[in-house]
Amino acid sequence: ARTTLAMAAKIGGCTVTDFYNKLQPLGFEIDT
């Protein structure tokens, strides 16, 4: 509830694009 994708990317040592790549096939629309 408190963590954004940008924050999670820092925590996980990855990029926001990594999230986009995983979520887009599930039907999420990406607003770059």
PDB file of all heavy atoms in Angstrom:
ATOM      1  N   ALA A   1       0.818  -1.213   0.000  1.00  0.00           N
ATOM      2  CA  ALA A   1       0.000   0.000   0.000  1.00  0.00           C
ATOM      3  C   ALA A   1       0.850   1.262   0.000  1.00  0.00           C
ATOM      4  O   ALA A   1       0.398   2.329  -0.408  1.00  0.00           O
ATOM      5  CB  ALA A   1      -0.923  -0.005   1.214  1.00  0.00           C
ATOM      6  N   ARG A   2       2.089   1.155   0.432  1.00  0.00           N
ATOM      7  CA  ARG A   2       2.964   2.324   0.555  1.00  0.00           C
ATOM      8  C   ARG A   2       4.068   2.381  -0.492  1.00  0.00           C
ATOM      9  O   ARG A   2       4.761   3.387  -0.596  1.00  0.00           O
ATOM     10  CB  ARG A   2       3.608   2.325   1.933  1.00  0.00           C
ATOM     11  CG  ARG A   2       2.601   2.446   3.035  1.00  0.00           C
ATOM     12  CD  ARG A   2       3.266   2.459   4.383  1.00  0.00           C
ATOM     13  NE  ARG A   2       2.251   2.663   5.405  1.00  0.00           N
ATOM     14  CZ  ARG A   2       2.254   2.065   6.564  1.00  0.00           C
ATOM     15  NH1 ARG A   2       3.212   1.237   6.876  1.00  0.00           N
ATOM     16  NH2 ARG A   2       1.291   2.303   7.436  1.00  0.00           N
ATOM     17  N   THR A   3       4.249   1.317  -1.235  1.00  0.00           N
ATOM     18  CA  THR A   3       5.402   1.209  -2.137  1.00  0.00           C
ATOM     19  C   THR A   3       4.993   1.416  -3.593  1.00  0.00           C
ATOM     20  O   THR A   3       4.099   0.744  -4.099  1.00  0.00           O
ATOM     21  CB  THR A   3       6.057  -0.174  -1.978  1.00  0.00           C
ATOM     22  OG1 THR A   3       6.350  -0.395  -0.591  1.00  0.00           O
ATOM     23  CG2 THR A   3       7.345  -0.262  -2.769  1.00  0.00           C
ATOM     24  N   THR A   4       5.676   2.338  -4.264  1.00  0.00           N
ATOM     25  CA  THR A   4       5.448   2.572  -5.690  1.00  0.00           C
ATOM     26  C   THR A   4       6.370   1.661  -6.499  1.00  0.00           C
ATOM     27  O   THR A   4       7.310   1.075  -5.953  1.00  0.00           O
ATOM     28  CB  THR A   4       5.745   4.029  -6.076  1.00  0.00           C
ATOM     29  OG1 THR A   4       7.141   4.280  -5.886  1.00  0.00           O
ATOM     30  CG2 THR A   4       4.908   5.007  -5.278  1.00  0.00           C
ATOM     31  N   LEU A   5       6.127   1.574  -7.790  1.00  0.00           N
ATOM     32  CA  LEU A   5       7.014   0.789  -8.656  1.00  0.00           C
ATOM     33  C   LEU A   5       8.442   1.327  -8.599  1.00  0.00           C
ATOM     34  O   LEU A   5       9.394   0.549  -8.570  1.00  0.00           O
ATOM     35  CB  LEU A   5       6.514   0.810 -10.101  1.00  0.00           C
ATOM     36  CG  LEU A   5       5.269  -0.002 -10.427  1.00  0.00           C
ATOM     37  CD1 LEU A   5       4.930   0.131 -11.902  1.00  0.00           C
ATOM     38  CD2 LEU A   5       5.447  -1.448 -10.059  1.00  0.00           C
ATOM     39  N   ALA A   6       8.582   2.638  -8.572  1.00  0.00           N
ATOM     40  CA  ALA A   6       9.922   3.238  -8.523  1.00  0.00           C
ATOM     41  C   ALA A   6      10.641   2.852  -7.235  1.00  0.00           C
ATOM     42  O   ALA A   6      11.829   2.508  -7.254  1.00  0.00           O
ATOM     43  CB  ALA A   6       9.828   4.755  -8.647  1.00  0.00           C
ATOM     44  N   MET A   7       9.939   2.880  -6.120  1.00  0.00           N
ATOM     45  CA  MET A   7      10.540   2.490  -4.840  1.00  0.00           C
ATOM     46  C   MET A   7      10.896   1.008  -4.840  1.00  0.00           C
ATOM     47  O   MET A   7      11.965   0.617  -4.374  1.00  0.00           O
ATOM     48  CB  MET A   7       9.570   2.802  -3.691  1.00  0.00           C
ATOM     49  CG  MET A   7       9.335   4.283  -3.475  1.00  0.00           C
ATOM     50  SD  MET A   7       7.894   4.652  -2.426  1.00  0.00           S
ATOM     51  CE  MET A   7       8.306   3.847  -0.907  1.00  0.00           C
ATOM     52  N   ALA A   8       9.993   0.191  -5.356  1.00  0.00           N
ATOM     53  CA  ALA A   8      10.234  -1.255  -5.401  1.00  0.00           C
ATOM     54  C   ALA A   8      11.435  -1.585  -6.277  1.00  0.00           C
ATOM     55  O   ALA A   8      12.205  -2.492  -5.969  1.00  0.00           O
ATOM     56  CB  ALA A   8       8.989  -1.976  -5.904  1.00  0.00           C
ATOM     57  N   ALA A   9      11.607  -0.845  -7.367  1.00  0.00           N
ATOM     58  CA  ALA A   9      12.747  -1.077  -8.252  1.00  0.00           C
ATOM     59  C   ALA A   9      14.056  -0.846  -7.504  1.00  0.00           C
ATOM     60  O   ALA A   9      15.006  -1.621  -7.637  1.00  0.00           O
ATOM     61  CB  ALA A   9      12.668  -0.170  -9.475  1.00  0.00           C
ATOM     62  N   LYS A  10      14.098   0.201  -6.679  1.00  0.00           N
ATOM     63  CA  LYS A  10      15.302   0.468  -5.886  1.00  0.00           C
ATOM     64  C   LYS A  10      15.538  -0.645  -4.867  1.00  0.00           C
ATOM     65  O   LYS A  10      16.657  -1.099  -4.691  1.00  0.00           O
ATOM     66  CB  LYS A  10      15.184   1.809  -5.166  1.00  0.00           C
ATOM     67  CG  LYS A  10      15.334   2.992  -6.069  1.00  0.00           C
ATOM     68  CD  LYS A  10      15.258   4.284  -5.288  1.00  0.00           C
ATOM     69  CE  LYS A  10      15.357   5.481  -6.204  1.00  0.00           C
ATOM     70  NZ  LYS A  10      15.261   6.746  -5.468  1.00  0.00           N
ATOM     71  N   ILE A  11      14.477  -1.066  -4.208  1.00  0.00           N
ATOM     72  CA  ILE A  11      14.580  -2.113  -3.194  1.00  0.00           C
ATOM     73  C   ILE A  11      15.050  -3.428  -3.824  1.00  0.00           C
ATOM     74  O   ILE A  11      15.899  -4.119  -3.277  1.00  0.00           O
ATOM     75  CB  ILE A  11      13.217  -2.328  -2.492  1.00  0.00           C
ATOM     76  CG1 ILE A  11      12.860  -1.099  -1.656  1.00  0.00           C
ATOM     77  CG2 ILE A  11      13.230  -3.587  -1.623  1.00  0.00           C
ATOM     78  CD1 ILE A  11      11.410  -1.075  -1.189  1.00  0.00           C
ATOM     79  N   GLY A  12      14.497  -3.755  -4.989  1.00  0.00           N
ATOM     80  CA  GLY A  12      14.788  -5.029  -5.633  1.00  0.00           C
ATOM     81  C   GLY A  12      16.039  -5.025  -6.496  1.00  0.00           C
ATOM     82  O   GLY A  12      16.410  -6.058  -7.042  1.00  0.00           O
ATOM     83  N   GLY A  13      16.673  -3.858  -6.633  1.00  0.00           N
ATOM     84  CA  GLY A  13      17.868  -3.790  -7.469  1.00  0.00           C
ATOM     85  C   GLY A  13      17.565  -4.033  -8.940  1.00  0.00           C
ATOM     86  O   GLY A  13      18.345  -4.663  -9.648  1.00  0.00           O
ATOM     87  N   CYS A  14      16.425  -3.535  -9.384  1.00  0.00           N
ATOM     88  CA  CYS A  14      16.020  -3.700 -10.775  1.00  0.00           C
ATOM     89  C   CYS A  14      15.548  -2.350 -11.307  1.00  0.00           C
ATOM     90  O   CYS A  14      15.738  -1.337 -10.656  1.00  0.00           O
ATOM     91  CB  CYS A  14      14.926  -4.761 -10.879  1.00  0.00           C
ATOM     92  SG  CYS A  14      13.489  -4.442  -9.835  1.00  0.00           S
ATOM     93  N   THR A  15      14.921  -2.357 -12.476  1.00  0.00           N
ATOM     94  CA  THR A  15      14.428  -1.111 -13.052  1.00  0.00           C
ATOM     95  C   THR A  15      12.906  -1.145 -13.140  1.00  0.00           C
ATOM     96  O   THR A  15      12.293  -2.219 -13.082  1.00  0.00           O
ATOM     97  CB  THR A  15      14.993  -0.889 -14.470  1.00  0.00           C
ATOM     98  OG1 THR A  15      14.469  -1.907 -15.332  1.00  0.00           O
ATOM     99  CG2 THR A  15      16.512  -0.924 -14.477  1.00  0.00           C
ATOM    100  N   VAL A  16      12.324   0.026 -13.296  1.00  0.00           N
ATOM    101  CA  VAL A  16      10.877   0.110 -13.482  1.00  0.00           C
ATOM    102  C   VAL A  16      10.487  -0.614 -14.769  1.00  0.00           C
ATOM    103  O   VAL A  16       9.430  -1.246 -14.840  1.00  0.00           O
ATOM    104  CB  VAL A  16      10.421   1.586 -13.497  1.00  0.00           C
ATOM    105  CG1 VAL A  16       8.951   1.700 -13.832  1.00  0.00           C
ATOM    106  CG2 VAL A  16      10.710   2.244 -12.157  1.00  0.00           C
ATOM    107  N   THR A  17      11.348  -0.587 -15.754  1.00  0.00           N
ATOM    108  CA  THR A  17      11.095  -1.288 -17.025  1.00  0.00           C
ATOM    109  C   THR A  17      10.942  -2.788 -16.800  1.00  0.00           C
ATOM    110  O   THR A  17      10.144  -3.443 -17.482  1.00  0.00           O
ATOM    111  CB  THR A  17      12.227  -0.995 -18.030  1.00  0.00           C
ATOM    112  OG1 THR A  17      12.328   0.419 -18.188  1.00  0.00           O
ATOM    113  CG2 THR A  17      11.952  -1.640 -19.374  1.00  0.00           C
ATOM    114  N   ASP A  18      11.671  -3.341 -15.837  1.00  0.00           N
ATOM    115  CA  ASP A  18      11.513  -4.766 -15.508  1.00  0.00           C
ATOM    116  C   ASP A  18      10.072  -5.051 -15.075  1.00  0.00           C
ATOM    117  O   ASP A  18       9.489  -6.072 -15.445  1.00  0.00           O
ATOM    118  CB  ASP A  18      12.482  -5.186 -14.401  1.00  0.00           C
ATOM    119  CG  ASP A  18      13.935  -5.133 -14.827  1.00  0.00           C
ATOM    120  OD1 ASP A  18      14.220  -5.342 -16.018  1.00  0.00           O
ATOM    121  OD2 ASP A  18      14.792  -4.878 -13.956  1.00  0.00           O
ATOM    122  N   PHE A  19       9.504  -4.135 -14.301  1.00  0.00           N
ATOM    123  CA  PHE A  19       8.105  -4.290 -13.882  1.00  0.00           C
ATOM    124  C   PHE A  19       7.176  -4.191 -15.088  1.00  0.00           C
ATOM    125  O   PHE A  19       6.264  -4.998 -15.233  1.00  0.00           O
ATOM    126  CB  PHE A  19       7.727  -3.215 -12.849  1.00  0.00           C
ATOM    127  CG  PHE A  19       8.270  -3.478 -11.485  1.00  0.00           C
ATOM    128  CD1 PHE A  19       9.484  -2.948 -11.090  1.00  0.00           C
ATOM    129  CD2 PHE A  19       7.568  -4.248 -10.575  1.00  0.00           C
ATOM    130  CE1 PHE A  19       9.999  -3.188  -9.836  1.00  0.00           C
ATOM    131  CE2 PHE A  19       8.063  -4.493  -9.307  1.00  0.00           C
ATOM    132  CZ  PHE A  19       9.290  -3.966  -8.939  1.00  0.00           C
ATOM    133  N   TYR A  20       7.429  -3.194 -15.942  1.00  0.00           N
ATOM    134  CA  TYR A  20       6.597  -3.034 -17.131  1.00  0.00           C
ATOM    135  C   TYR A  20       6.606  -4.297 -17.977  1.00  0.00           C
ATOM    136  O   TYR A  20       5.563  -4.745 -18.449  1.00  0.00           O
ATOM    137  CB  TYR A  20       7.090  -1.865 -17.982  1.00  0.00           C
ATOM    138  CG  TYR A  20       6.953  -0.495 -17.355  1.00  0.00           C
ATOM    139  CD1 TYR A  20       7.640   0.583 -17.874  1.00  0.00           C
ATOM    140  CD2 TYR A  20       6.129  -0.266 -16.258  1.00  0.00           C
ATOM    141  CE1 TYR A  20       7.523   1.858 -17.324  1.00  0.00           C
ATOM    142  CE2 TYR A  20       6.013   0.994 -15.699  1.00  0.00           C
ATOM    143  CZ  TYR A  20       6.707   2.053 -16.241  1.00  0.00           C
ATOM    144  OH  TYR A  20       6.583   3.302 -15.701  1.00  0.00           O
ATOM    145  N   ASN A  21       7.793  -4.873 -18.164  1.00  0.00           N
ATOM    146  CA  ASN A  21       7.927  -6.072 -18.996  1.00  0.00           C
ATOM    147  C   ASN A  21       7.167  -7.262 -18.424  1.00  0.00           C
ATOM    148  O   ASN A  21       6.677  -8.113 -19.171  1.00  0.00           O
ATOM    149  CB  ASN A  21       9.398  -6.429 -19.192  1.00  0.00           C
ATOM    150  CG  ASN A  21      10.136  -5.401 -20.022  1.00  0.00           C
ATOM    151  OD1 ASN A  21       9.538  -4.651 -20.784  1.00  0.00           O
ATOM    152  ND2 ASN A  21      11.447  -5.353 -19.868  1.00  0.00           N
ATOM    153  N   LYS A  22       7.074  -7.360 -17.113  1.00  0.00           N
ATOM    154  CA  LYS A  22       6.344  -8.466 -16.474  1.00  0.00           C
ATOM    155  C   LYS A  22       4.843  -8.211 -16.429  1.00  0.00           C
ATOM    156  O   LYS A  22       4.047  -9.141 -16.511  1.00  0.00           O
ATOM    157  CB  LYS A  22       6.847  -8.682 -15.035  1.00  0.00           C
ATOM    158  CG  LYS A  22       8.237  -9.259 -14.949  1.00  0.00           C
ATOM    159  CD  LYS A  22       8.236 -10.719 -15.331  1.00  0.00           C
ATOM    160  CE  LYS A  22       9.610 -11.312 -15.079  1.00  0.00           C
ATOM    161  NZ  LYS A  22       9.620 -12.747 -15.279  1.00  0.00           N
ATOM    162  N   LEU A  23       4.447  -6.943 -16.277  1.00  0.00           N
ATOM    163  CA  LEU A  23       3.034  -6.626 -16.083  1.00  0.00           C
ATOM    164  C   LEU A  23       2.264  -6.437 -17.389  1.00  0.00           C
ATOM    165  O   LEU A  23       1.075  -6.717 -17.444  1.00  0.00           O
ATOM    166  CB  LEU A  23       2.897  -5.380 -15.205  1.00  0.00           C
ATOM    167  CG  LEU A  23       3.424  -5.541 -13.776  1.00  0.00           C
ATOM    168  CD1 LEU A  23       3.420  -4.206 -13.055  1.00  0.00           C
ATOM    169  CD2 LEU A  23       2.620  -6.576 -13.010  1.00  0.00           C
ATOM    170  N   GLN A  24       2.936  -5.989 -18.418  1.00  0.00           N
ATOM    171  CA  GLN A  24       2.254  -5.751 -19.688  1.00  0.00           C
ATOM    172  C   GLN A  24       1.581  -7.006 -20.245  1.00  0.00           C
ATOM    173  O   GLN A  24       0.434  -6.924 -20.692  1.00  0.00           O
ATOM    174  CB  GLN A  24       3.217  -5.140 -20.702  1.00  0.00           C
ATOM    175  CG  GLN A  24       2.512  -4.402 -21.808  1.00  0.00           C
ATOM    176  CD  GLN A  24       3.446  -3.465 -22.550  1.00  0.00           C
ATOM    177  OE1 GLN A  24       4.654  -3.639 -22.529  1.00  0.00           O
ATOM    178  NE2 GLN A  24       2.879  -2.478 -23.208  1.00  0.00           N
ATOM    179  N   PRO A  25       2.221  -8.187 -20.208  1.00  0.00           N
ATOM    180  CA  PRO A  25       1.546  -9.400 -20.710  1.00  0.00           C
ATOM    181  C   PRO A  25       0.293  -9.770 -19.910  1.00  0.00           C
ATOM    182  O   PRO A  25      -0.551 -10.518 -20.399  1.00  0.00           O
ATOM    183  CB  PRO A  25       2.610 -10.498 -20.572  1.00  0.00           C
ATOM    184  CG  PRO A  25       3.905  -9.774 -20.565  1.00  0.00           C
ATOM    185  CD  PRO A  25       3.626  -8.455 -19.896  1.00  0.00           C
ATOM    186  N   LEU A  26       0.153  -9.233 -18.701  1.00  0.00           N
ATOM    187  CA  LEU A  26      -1.027  -9.510 -17.881  1.00  0.00           C
ATOM    188  C   LEU A  26      -2.174  -8.541 -18.202  1.00  0.00           C
ATOM    189  O   LEU A  26      -3.220  -8.592 -17.557  1.00  0.00           O
ATOM    190  CB  LEU A  26      -0.667  -9.406 -16.390  1.00  0.00           C
ATOM    191  CG  LEU A  26       0.345 -10.429 -15.873  1.00  0.00           C
ATOM    192  CD1 LEU A  26       0.665 -10.164 -14.412  1.00  0.00           C
ATOM    193  CD2 LEU A  26      -0.168 -11.848 -16.060  1.00  0.00           C
ATOM    194  N   GLY A  27      -1.943  -7.639 -19.151  1.00  0.00           N
ATOM    195  CA  GLY A  27      -3.002  -6.730 -19.567  1.00  0.00           C
ATOM    196  C   GLY A  27      -2.888  -5.323 -19.013  1.00  0.00           C
ATOM    197  O   GLY A  27      -3.770  -4.495 -19.238  1.00  0.00           O
ATOM    198  N   PHE A  28      -1.829  -5.032 -18.296  1.00  0.00           N
ATOM    199  CA  PHE A  28      -1.659  -3.684 -17.752  1.00  0.00           C
ATOM    200  C   PHE A  28      -1.206  -2.731 -18.841  1.00  0.00           C
ATOM    201  O   PHE A  28      -0.378  -3.084 -19.675  1.00  0.00           O
ATOM    202  CB  PHE A  28      -0.638  -3.684 -16.606  1.00  0.00           C
ATOM    203  CG  PHE A  28      -1.158  -4.297 -15.345  1.00  0.00           C
ATOM    204  CD1 PHE A  28      -0.940  -5.630 -15.076  1.00  0.00           C
ATOM    205  CD2 PHE A  28      -1.884  -3.549 -14.438  1.00  0.00           C
ATOM    206  CE1 PHE A  28      -1.428  -6.225 -13.923  1.00  0.00           C
ATOM    207  CE2 PHE A  28      -2.379  -4.115 -13.281  1.00  0.00           C
ATOM    208  CZ  PHE A  28      -2.152  -5.457 -13.014  1.00  0.00           C
ATOM    209  N   GLU A  29      -1.752  -1.534 -18.829  1.00  0.00           N
ATOM    210  CA  GLU A  29      -1.331  -0.499 -19.768  1.00  0.00           C
ATOM    211  C   GLU A  29      -0.208   0.288 -19.124  1.00  0.00           C
ATOM    212  O   GLU A  29      -0.318   0.688 -17.962  1.00  0.00           O
ATOM    213  CB  GLU A  29      -2.497   0.431 -20.103  1.00  0.00           C
ATOM    214  CG  GLU A  29      -3.591  -0.246 -20.904  1.00  0.00           C
ATOM    215  CD  GLU A  29      -4.703   0.691 -21.271  1.00  0.00           C
ATOM    216  OE1 GLU A  29      -4.468   1.918 -21.346  1.00  0.00           O
ATOM    217  OE2 GLU A  29      -5.817   0.206 -21.456  1.00  0.00           O
ATOM    218  N   ILE A  30       0.829   0.529 -19.875  1.00  0.00           N
ATOM    219  CA  ILE A  30       2.015   1.212 -19.367  1.00  0.00           C
ATOM    220  C   ILE A  30       1.988   2.670 -19.826  1.00  0.00           C
ATOM    221  O   ILE A  30       1.832   2.956 -21.001  1.00  0.00           O
ATOM    222  CB  ILE A  30       3.311   0.524 -19.861  1.00  0.00           C
ATOM    223  CG1 ILE A  30       3.278  -0.976 -19.571  1.00  0.00           C
ATOM    224  CG2 ILE A  30       4.534   1.196 -19.290  1.00  0.00           C
ATOM    225  CD1 ILE A  30       3.093  -1.361 -18.135  1.00  0.00           C
ATOM    226  N   ASP A  31       2.146   3.575 -18.864  1.00  0.00           N
ATOM    227  CA  ASP A  31       2.202   5.003 -19.162  1.00  0.00           C
ATOM    228  C   ASP A  31       3.636   5.470 -18.939  1.00  0.00           C
ATOM    229  O   ASP A  31       4.028   5.805 -17.824  1.00  0.00           O
ATOM    230  CB  ASP A  31       1.239   5.768 -18.264  1.00  0.00           C
ATOM    231  CG  ASP A  31       1.236   7.260 -18.531  1.00  0.00           C
ATOM    232  OD1 ASP A  31       1.917   7.709 -19.474  1.00  0.00           O
ATOM    233  OD2 ASP A  31       0.544   7.984 -17.792  1.00  0.00           O
ATOM    234  N   THR A  32       4.425   5.464 -19.983  1.00  0.00           N
ATOM    235  CA  THR A  32       5.832   5.847 -19.855  1.00  0.00           C
ATOM    236  C   THR A  32       6.017   7.361 -19.874  1.00  0.00           C
ATOM    237  O   THR A  32       7.104   7.846 -19.557  1.00  0.00           O
ATOM    238  CB  THR A  32       6.695   5.226 -20.985  1.00  0.00           C
ATOM    239  OG1 THR A  32       6.147   5.629 -22.240  1.00  0.00           O
ATOM    240  CG2 THR A  32       6.702   3.705 -20.871  1.00  0.00           C
TER     241      THR A  32
END
